[in-house]
Amino acid sequence: MADGYVKTIGPTTDSFTHYWRIVAELENGNTEVFWGHARSLAEARRKRAPAEEAARMRGWKGFAFEIVELVETPA
């Protein structure tokens, strides 16, 4: 991710290609992080609209939405 965060997932038979993350800035100054995996870049991009809706519904001051390609490493 842009801030250097590295997410490691365990072995899986699913064909995930991308990882998405939402870092929400709450009204009280705290942050909350939501993340998930997608089987394509297009699928990951479709998570942005629900993130915008969540920001409105939950009253977030703001949020960052990021997508990165997964990189497979040997076990």
PDB file of N, CA and C in Angstrom:
ATOM      1  N   MET A   1       0.845  -1.178   0.000  1.00  0.00           N
ATOM      2  CA  MET A   1       0.000   0.000   0.000  1.00  0.00           C
ATOM      3  C   MET A   1       0.891   1.244   0.000  1.00  0.00           C
ATOM      4  N   ALA A   2       0.272   2.372  -0.199  1.00  0.00           N
ATOM      5  CA  ALA A   2       1.021   3.624  -0.293  1.00  0.00           C
ATOM      6  C   ALA A   2       1.815   3.928   0.979  1.00  0.00           C
ATOM      7  N   ASP A   3       1.294   3.502   2.129  1.00  0.00           N
ATOM      8  CA  ASP A   3       1.977   3.778   3.396  1.00  0.00           C
ATOM      9  C   ASP A   3       2.980   2.690   3.782  1.00  0.00           C
ATOM     10  N   GLY A   4       3.224   1.726   2.889  1.00  0.00           N
ATOM     11  CA  GLY A   4       4.188   0.663   3.156  1.00  0.00           C
ATOM     12  C   GLY A   4       3.602  -0.569   3.805  1.00  0.00           C
ATOM     13  N   TYR A   5       2.306  -0.549   4.120  1.00  0.00           N
ATOM     14  CA  TYR A   5       1.661  -1.699   4.741  1.00  0.00           C
ATOM     15  C   TYR A   5       1.692  -2.887   3.780  1.00  0.00           C
ATOM     16  N   VAL A   6       2.048  -4.048   4.305  1.00  0.00           N
ATOM     17  CA  VAL A   6       2.071  -5.275   3.511  1.00  0.00           C
ATOM     18  C   VAL A   6       1.091  -6.247   4.140  1.00  0.00           C
ATOM     19  N   LYS A   7       0.152  -6.727   3.370  1.00  0.00           N
ATOM     20  CA  LYS A   7      -0.852  -7.683   3.837  1.00  0.00           C
ATOM     21  C   LYS A   7      -0.490  -9.048   3.305  1.00  0.00           C
ATOM     22  N   THR A   8      -0.444 -10.039   4.183  1.00  0.00           N
ATOM     23  CA  THR A   8      -0.153 -11.409   3.777  1.00  0.00           C
ATOM     24  C   THR A   8      -1.399 -12.250   4.015  1.00  0.00           C
ATOM     25  N   ILE A   9      -1.794 -13.009   3.003  1.00  0.00           N
ATOM     26  CA  ILE A   9      -2.921 -13.928   3.168  1.00  0.00           C
ATOM     27  C   ILE A   9      -2.368 -15.338   3.062  1.00  0.00           C
ATOM     28  N   GLY A  10      -3.065 -16.264   3.683  1.00  0.00           N
ATOM     29  CA  GLY A  10      -2.626 -17.654   3.666  1.00  0.00           C
ATOM     30  C   GLY A  10      -2.882 -18.309   2.324  1.00  0.00           C
ATOM     31  N   PRO A  11      -2.444 -19.519   2.197  1.00  0.00           N
ATOM     32  CA  PRO A  11      -2.691 -20.263   0.954  1.00  0.00           C
ATOM     33  C   PRO A  11      -4.196 -20.334   0.659  1.00  0.00           C
ATOM     34  N   THR A  12      -4.532 -20.185  -0.594  1.00  0.00           N
ATOM     35  CA  THR A  12      -5.929 -20.253  -1.014  1.00  0.00           C
ATOM     36  C   THR A  12      -6.008 -20.817  -2.430  1.00  0.00           C
ATOM     37  N   THR A  13      -7.104 -21.470  -2.717  1.00  0.00           N
ATOM     38  CA  THR A  13      -7.312 -21.974  -4.073  1.00  0.00           C
ATOM     39  C   THR A  13      -8.086 -20.962  -4.917  1.00  0.00           C
ATOM     40  N   ASP A  14      -8.585 -19.894  -4.266  1.00  0.00           N
ATOM     41  CA  ASP A  14      -9.285 -18.837  -5.009  1.00  0.00           C
ATOM     42  C   ASP A  14      -8.305 -18.057  -5.866  1.00  0.00           C
ATOM     43  N   SER A  15      -8.791 -17.545  -6.962  1.00  0.00           N
ATOM     44  CA  SER A  15      -7.933 -16.822  -7.899  1.00  0.00           C
ATOM     45  C   SER A  15      -7.980 -15.313  -7.657  1.00  0.00           C
ATOM     46  N   PHE A  16      -7.639 -14.887  -6.447  1.00  0.00           N
ATOM     47  CA  PHE A  16      -7.620 -13.457  -6.140  1.00  0.00           C
ATOM     48  C   PHE A  16      -6.478 -12.786  -6.891  1.00  0.00           C
ATOM     49  N   THR A  17      -6.734 -11.590  -7.416  1.00  0.00           N
ATOM     50  CA  THR A  17      -5.702 -10.844  -8.136  1.00  0.00           C
ATOM     51  C   THR A  17      -5.393  -9.502  -7.493  1.00  0.00           C
ATOM     52  N   HIS A  18      -6.343  -8.967  -6.712  1.00  0.00           N
ATOM     53  CA  HIS A  18      -6.167  -7.636  -6.134  1.00  0.00           C
ATOM     54  C   HIS A  18      -6.653  -7.595  -4.685  1.00  0.00           C
ATOM     55  N   TYR A  19      -6.105  -6.638  -3.966  1.00  0.00           N
ATOM     56  CA  TYR A  19      -6.432  -6.384  -2.569  1.00  0.00           C
ATOM     57  C   TYR A  19      -6.912  -4.941  -2.504  1.00  0.00           C
ATOM     58  N   TRP A  20      -8.004  -4.699  -1.780  1.00  0.00           N
ATOM     59  CA  TRP A  20      -8.483  -3.332  -1.618  1.00  0.00           C
ATOM     60  C   TRP A  20      -8.545  -3.002  -0.132  1.00  0.00           C
ATOM     61  N   ARG A  21      -8.368  -1.711   0.173  1.00  0.00           N
ATOM     62  CA  ARG A  21      -8.382  -1.276   1.566  1.00  0.00           C
ATOM     63  C   ARG A  21      -9.050   0.086   1.650  1.00  0.00           C
ATOM     64  N   ILE A  22      -9.870   0.238   2.679  1.00  0.00           N
ATOM     65  CA  ILE A  22     -10.490   1.518   2.999  1.00  0.00           C
ATOM     66  C   ILE A  22      -9.975   1.923   4.377  1.00  0.00           C
ATOM     67  N   VAL A  23      -9.387   3.102   4.469  1.00  0.00           N
ATOM     68  CA  VAL A  23      -8.987   3.657   5.761  1.00  0.00           C
ATOM     69  C   VAL A  23      -9.930   4.827   6.017  1.00  0.00           C
ATOM     70  N   ALA A  24     -10.851   4.623   6.949  1.00  0.00           N
ATOM     71  CA  ALA A  24     -11.876   5.623   7.234  1.00  0.00           C
ATOM     72  C   ALA A  24     -11.443   6.507   8.400  1.00  0.00           C
ATOM     73  N   GLU A  25     -11.608   7.801   8.231  1.00  0.00           N
ATOM     74  CA  GLU A  25     -11.335   8.764   9.302  1.00  0.00           C
ATOM     75  C   GLU A  25     -12.665   9.065   9.992  1.00  0.00           C
ATOM     76  N   LEU A  26     -12.765   8.665  11.247  1.00  0.00           N
ATOM     77  CA  LEU A  26     -14.004   8.831  11.995  1.00  0.00           C
ATOM     78  C   LEU A  26     -14.112  10.236  12.570  1.00  0.00           C
ATOM     79  N   GLU A  27     -15.322  10.623  12.949  1.00  0.00           N
ATOM     80  CA  GLU A  27     -15.578  11.950  13.513  1.00  0.00           C
ATOM     81  C   GLU A  27     -14.753  12.217  14.770  1.00  0.00           C
ATOM     82  N   ASN A  28     -14.470  11.165  15.552  1.00  0.00           N
ATOM     83  CA  ASN A  28     -13.729  11.344  16.807  1.00  0.00           C
ATOM     84  C   ASN A  28     -12.208  11.369  16.593  1.00  0.00           C
ATOM     85  N   GLY A  29     -11.770  11.339  15.338  1.00  0.00           N
ATOM     86  CA  GLY A  29     -10.342  11.392  15.038  1.00  0.00           C
ATOM     87  C   GLY A  29      -9.677  10.032  14.898  1.00  0.00           C
ATOM     88  N   ASN A  30     -10.350   8.980  15.294  1.00  0.00           N
ATOM     89  CA  ASN A  30      -9.813   7.629  15.122  1.00  0.00           C
ATOM     90  C   ASN A  30      -9.939   7.186  13.678  1.00  0.00           C
ATOM     91  N   THR A  31      -9.273   6.091  13.356  1.00  0.00           N
ATOM     92  CA  THR A  31      -9.414   5.506  12.030  1.00  0.00           C
ATOM     93  C   THR A  31      -9.912   4.087  12.157  1.00  0.00           C
ATOM     94  N   GLU A  32     -10.560   3.629  11.116  1.00  0.00           N
ATOM     95  CA  GLU A  32     -11.047   2.253  11.035  1.00  0.00           C
ATOM     96  C   GLU A  32     -10.648   1.731   9.661  1.00  0.00           C
ATOM     97  N   VAL A  33     -10.207   0.469   9.606  1.00  0.00           N
ATOM     98  CA  VAL A  33      -9.717  -0.103   8.359  1.00  0.00           C
ATOM     99  C   VAL A  33     -10.603  -1.267   7.935  1.00  0.00           C
ATOM    100  N   PHE A  34     -10.956  -1.280   6.660  1.00  0.00           N
ATOM    101  CA  PHE A  34     -11.729  -2.357   6.050  1.00  0.00           C
ATOM    102  C   PHE A  34     -10.933  -2.847   4.851  1.00  0.00           C
ATOM    103  N   TRP A  35     -10.922  -4.154   4.616  1.00  0.00           N
ATOM    104  CA  TRP A  35     -10.148  -4.672   3.492  1.00  0.00           C
ATOM    105  C   TRP A  35     -10.802  -5.918   2.930  1.00  0.00           C
ATOM    106  N   GLY A  36     -10.362  -6.268   1.736  1.00  0.00           N
ATOM    107  CA  GLY A  36     -10.868  -7.476   1.104  1.00  0.00           C
ATOM    108  C   GLY A  36     -10.056  -7.810  -0.131  1.00  0.00           C
ATOM    109  N   HIS A  37     -10.399  -8.919  -0.733  1.00  0.00           N
ATOM    110  CA  HIS A  37      -9.711  -9.401  -1.933  1.00  0.00           C
ATOM    111  C   HIS A  37     -10.709  -9.484  -3.073  1.00  0.00           C
ATOM    112  N   ALA A  38     -10.209  -9.367  -4.280  1.00  0.00           N
ATOM    113  CA  ALA A  38     -11.067  -9.431  -5.465  1.00  0.00           C
ATOM    114  C   ALA A  38     -10.421 -10.318  -6.518  1.00  0.00           C
ATOM    115  N   ARG A  39     -11.244 -10.826  -7.413  1.00  0.00           N
ATOM    116  CA  ARG A  39     -10.760 -11.723  -8.466  1.00  0.00           C
ATOM    117  C   ARG A  39     -10.363 -10.973  -9.738  1.00  0.00           C
ATOM    118  N   SER A  40     -10.532  -9.636  -9.706  1.00  0.00           N
ATOM    119  CA  SER A  40     -10.117  -8.810 -10.852  1.00  0.00           C
ATOM    120  C   SER A  40     -10.005  -7.362 -10.397  1.00  0.00           C
ATOM    121  N   LEU A  41      -9.305  -6.569 -11.184  1.00  0.00           N
ATOM    122  CA  LEU A  41      -9.203  -5.143 -10.889  1.00  0.00           C
ATOM    123  C   LEU A  41     -10.582  -4.496 -10.976  1.00  0.00           C
ATOM    124  N   ALA A  42     -11.365  -4.895 -11.961  1.00  0.00           N
ATOM    125  CA  ALA A  42     -12.714  -4.336 -12.122  1.00  0.00           C
ATOM    126  C   ALA A  42     -13.577  -4.624 -10.895  1.00  0.00           C
ATOM    127  N   GLU A  43     -13.482  -5.830 -10.366  1.00  0.00           N
ATOM    128  CA  GLU A  43     -14.253  -6.186  -9.166  1.00  0.00           C
ATOM    129  C   GLU A  43     -13.809  -5.331  -7.986  1.00  0.00           C
ATOM    130  N   ALA A  44     -12.514  -5.134  -7.836  1.00  0.00           N
ATOM    131  CA  ALA A  44     -12.003  -4.311  -6.736  1.00  0.00           C
ATOM    132  C   ALA A  44     -12.478  -2.864  -6.880  1.00  0.00           C
ATOM    133  N   ARG A  45     -12.458  -2.334  -8.089  1.00  0.00           N
ATOM    134  CA  ARG A  45     -12.899  -0.954  -8.323  1.00  0.00           C
ATOM    135  C   ARG A  45     -14.363  -0.753  -7.970  1.00  0.00           C
ATOM    136  N   ARG A  46     -15.162  -1.793  -8.110  1.00  0.00           N
ATOM    137  CA  ARG A  46     -16.593  -1.695  -7.786  1.00  0.00           C
ATOM    138  C   ARG A  46     -16.837  -1.520  -6.291  1.00  0.00           C
ATOM    139  N   LYS A  47     -15.839  -1.673  -5.462  1.00  0.00           N
ATOM    140  CA  LYS A  47     -15.991  -1.482  -4.012  1.00  0.00           C
ATOM    141  C   LYS A  47     -15.991  -0.006  -3.636  1.00  0.00           C
ATOM    142  N   ARG A  48     -15.566   0.862  -4.543  1.00  0.00           N
ATOM    143  CA  ARG A  48     -15.482   2.294  -4.226  1.00  0.00           C
ATOM    144  C   ARG A  48     -16.860   2.907  -3.978  1.00  0.00           C
ATOM    145  N   ALA A  49     -17.830   2.596  -4.801  1.00  0.00           N
ATOM    146  CA  ALA A  49     -19.172   3.172  -4.623  1.00  0.00           C
ATOM    147  C   ALA A  49     -19.768   2.790  -3.267  1.00  0.00           C
ATOM    148  N   PRO A  50     -19.692   1.524  -2.848  1.00  0.00           N
ATOM    149  CA  PRO A  50     -20.192   1.196  -1.505  1.00  0.00           C
ATOM    150  C   PRO A  50     -19.409   1.913  -0.395  1.00  0.00           C
ATOM    151  N   ALA A  51     -18.124   2.173  -0.628  1.00  0.00           N
ATOM    152  CA  ALA A  51     -17.325   2.906   0.364  1.00  0.00           C
ATOM    153  C   ALA A  51     -17.842   4.336   0.503  1.00  0.00           C
ATOM    154  N   GLU A  52     -18.183   4.967  -0.612  1.00  0.00           N
ATOM    155  CA  GLU A  52     -18.731   6.318  -0.562  1.00  0.00           C
ATOM    156  C   GLU A  52     -20.068   6.340   0.171  1.00  0.00           C
ATOM    157  N   GLU A  53     -20.890   5.328  -0.068  1.00  0.00           N
ATOM    158  CA  GLU A  53     -22.170   5.221   0.634  1.00  0.00           C
ATOM    159  C   GLU A  53     -21.951   5.008   2.130  1.00  0.00           C
ATOM    160  N   ALA A  54     -20.996   4.151   2.483  1.00  0.00           N
ATOM    161  CA  ALA A  54     -20.684   3.906   3.896  1.00  0.00           C
ATOM    162  C   ALA A  54     -20.220   5.187   4.572  1.00  0.00           C
ATOM    163  N   ALA A  55     -19.426   5.980   3.868  1.00  0.00           N
ATOM    164  CA  ALA A  55     -18.939   7.244   4.432  1.00  0.00           C
ATOM    165  C   ALA A  55     -20.112   8.171   4.773  1.00  0.00           C
ATOM    166  N   ARG A  56     -21.084   8.235   3.890  1.00  0.00           N
ATOM    167  CA  ARG A  56     -22.266   9.069   4.153  1.00  0.00           C
ATOM    168  C   ARG A  56     -23.092   8.508   5.300  1.00  0.00           C
ATOM    169  N   MET A  57     -23.352   7.210   5.257  1.00  0.00           N
ATOM    170  CA  MET A  57     -24.204   6.577   6.269  1.00  0.00           C
ATOM    171  C   MET A  57     -23.581   6.622   7.665  1.00  0.00           C
ATOM    172  N   ARG A  58     -22.271   6.458   7.744  1.00  0.00           N
ATOM    173  CA  ARG A  58     -21.596   6.371   9.044  1.00  0.00           C
ATOM    174  C   ARG A  58     -21.003   7.695   9.503  1.00  0.00           C
ATOM    175  N   GLY A  59     -21.091   8.703   8.677  1.00  0.00           N
ATOM    176  CA  GLY A  59     -20.610  10.015   9.068  1.00  0.00           C
ATOM    177  C   GLY A  59     -19.097  10.138   9.144  1.00  0.00           C
ATOM    178  N   TRP A  60     -18.381   9.414   8.282  1.00  0.00           N
ATOM    179  CA  TRP A  60     -16.925   9.531   8.267  1.00  0.00           C
ATOM    180  C   TRP A  60     -16.535  10.933   7.839  1.00  0.00           C
ATOM    181  N   LYS A  61     -15.443  11.448   8.412  1.00  0.00           N
ATOM    182  CA  LYS A  61     -14.908  12.744   7.981  1.00  0.00           C
ATOM    183  C   LYS A  61     -14.260  12.604   6.610  1.00  0.00           C
ATOM    184  N   GLY A  62     -13.758  11.436   6.310  1.00  0.00           N
ATOM    185  CA  GLY A  62     -13.119  11.170   5.026  1.00  0.00           C
ATOM    186  C   GLY A  62     -12.630   9.743   4.992  1.00  0.00           C
ATOM    187  N   PHE A  63     -12.126   9.333   3.830  1.00  0.00           N
ATOM    188  CA  PHE A  63     -11.575   7.988   3.728  1.00  0.00           C
ATOM    189  C   PHE A  63     -10.633   7.900   2.541  1.00  0.00           C
ATOM    190  N   ALA A  64      -9.729   6.944   2.621  1.00  0.00           N
ATOM    191  CA  ALA A  64      -8.829   6.634   1.509  1.00  0.00           C
ATOM    192  C   ALA A  64      -9.214   5.253   1.005  1.00  0.00           C
ATOM    193  N   PHE A  65      -9.331   5.123  -0.309  1.00  0.00           N
ATOM    194  CA  PHE A  65      -9.642   3.838  -0.931  1.00  0.00           C
ATOM    195  C   PHE A  65      -8.474   3.465  -1.823  1.00  0.00           C
ATOM    196  N   GLU A  66      -7.873   2.308  -1.557  1.00  0.00           N
ATOM    197  CA  GLU A  66      -6.683   1.890  -2.298  1.00  0.00           C
ATOM    198  C   GLU A  66      -6.847   0.477  -2.834  1.00  0.00           C
ATOM    199  N   ILE A  67      -6.235   0.236  -3.981  1.00  0.00           N
ATOM    200  CA  ILE A  67      -6.221  -1.093  -4.593  1.00  0.00           C
ATOM    201  C   ILE A  67      -4.784  -1.395  -5.001  1.00  0.00           C
ATOM    202  N   VAL A  68      -4.349  -2.607  -4.706  1.00  0.00           N
ATOM    203  CA  VAL A  68      -3.037  -3.052  -5.177  1.00  0.00           C
ATOM    204  C   VAL A  68      -3.168  -4.463  -5.736  1.00  0.00           C
ATOM    205  N   GLU A  69      -2.283  -4.783  -6.650  1.00  0.00           N
ATOM    206  CA  GLU A  69      -2.251  -6.120  -7.228  1.00  0.00           C
ATOM    207  C   GLU A  69      -1.593  -7.075  -6.230  1.00  0.00           C
ATOM    208  N   LEU A  70      -2.164  -8.254  -6.082  1.00  0.00           N
ATOM    209  CA  LEU A  70      -1.559  -9.266  -5.214  1.00  0.00           C
ATOM    210  C   LEU A  70      -0.337  -9.854  -5.883  1.00  0.00           C
ATOM    211  N   VAL A  71       0.661 -10.150  -5.100  1.00  0.00           N
ATOM    212  CA  VAL A  71       1.879 -10.755  -5.585  1.00  0.00           C
ATOM    213  C   VAL A  71       2.069 -12.085  -4.851  1.00  0.00           C
ATOM    214  N   GLU A  72       2.167 -13.162  -5.614  1.00  0.00           N
ATOM    215  CA  GLU A  72       2.332 -14.477  -5.005  1.00  0.00           C
ATOM    216  C   GLU A  72       3.810 -14.688  -4.659  1.00  0.00           C
ATOM    217  N   THR A  73       4.027 -15.170  -3.439  1.00  0.00           N
ATOM    218  CA  THR A  73       5.391 -15.474  -2.993  1.00  0.00           C
ATOM    219  C   THR A  73       5.456 -16.936  -2.600  1.00  0.00           C
ATOM    220  N   PRO A  74       6.620 -17.570  -2.750  1.00  0.00           N
ATOM    221  CA  PRO A  74       6.755 -18.975  -2.368  1.00  0.00           C
ATOM    222  C   PRO A  74       6.558 -19.145  -0.866  1.00  0.00           C
ATOM    223  N   ALA A  75       6.010 -20.265  -0.487  1.00  0.00           N
ATOM    224  CA  ALA A  75       5.727 -20.528   0.936  1.00  0.00           C
ATOM    225  C   ALA A  75       6.971 -20.734   1.744  1.00  0.00           C
TER     226      ALA A  75
END
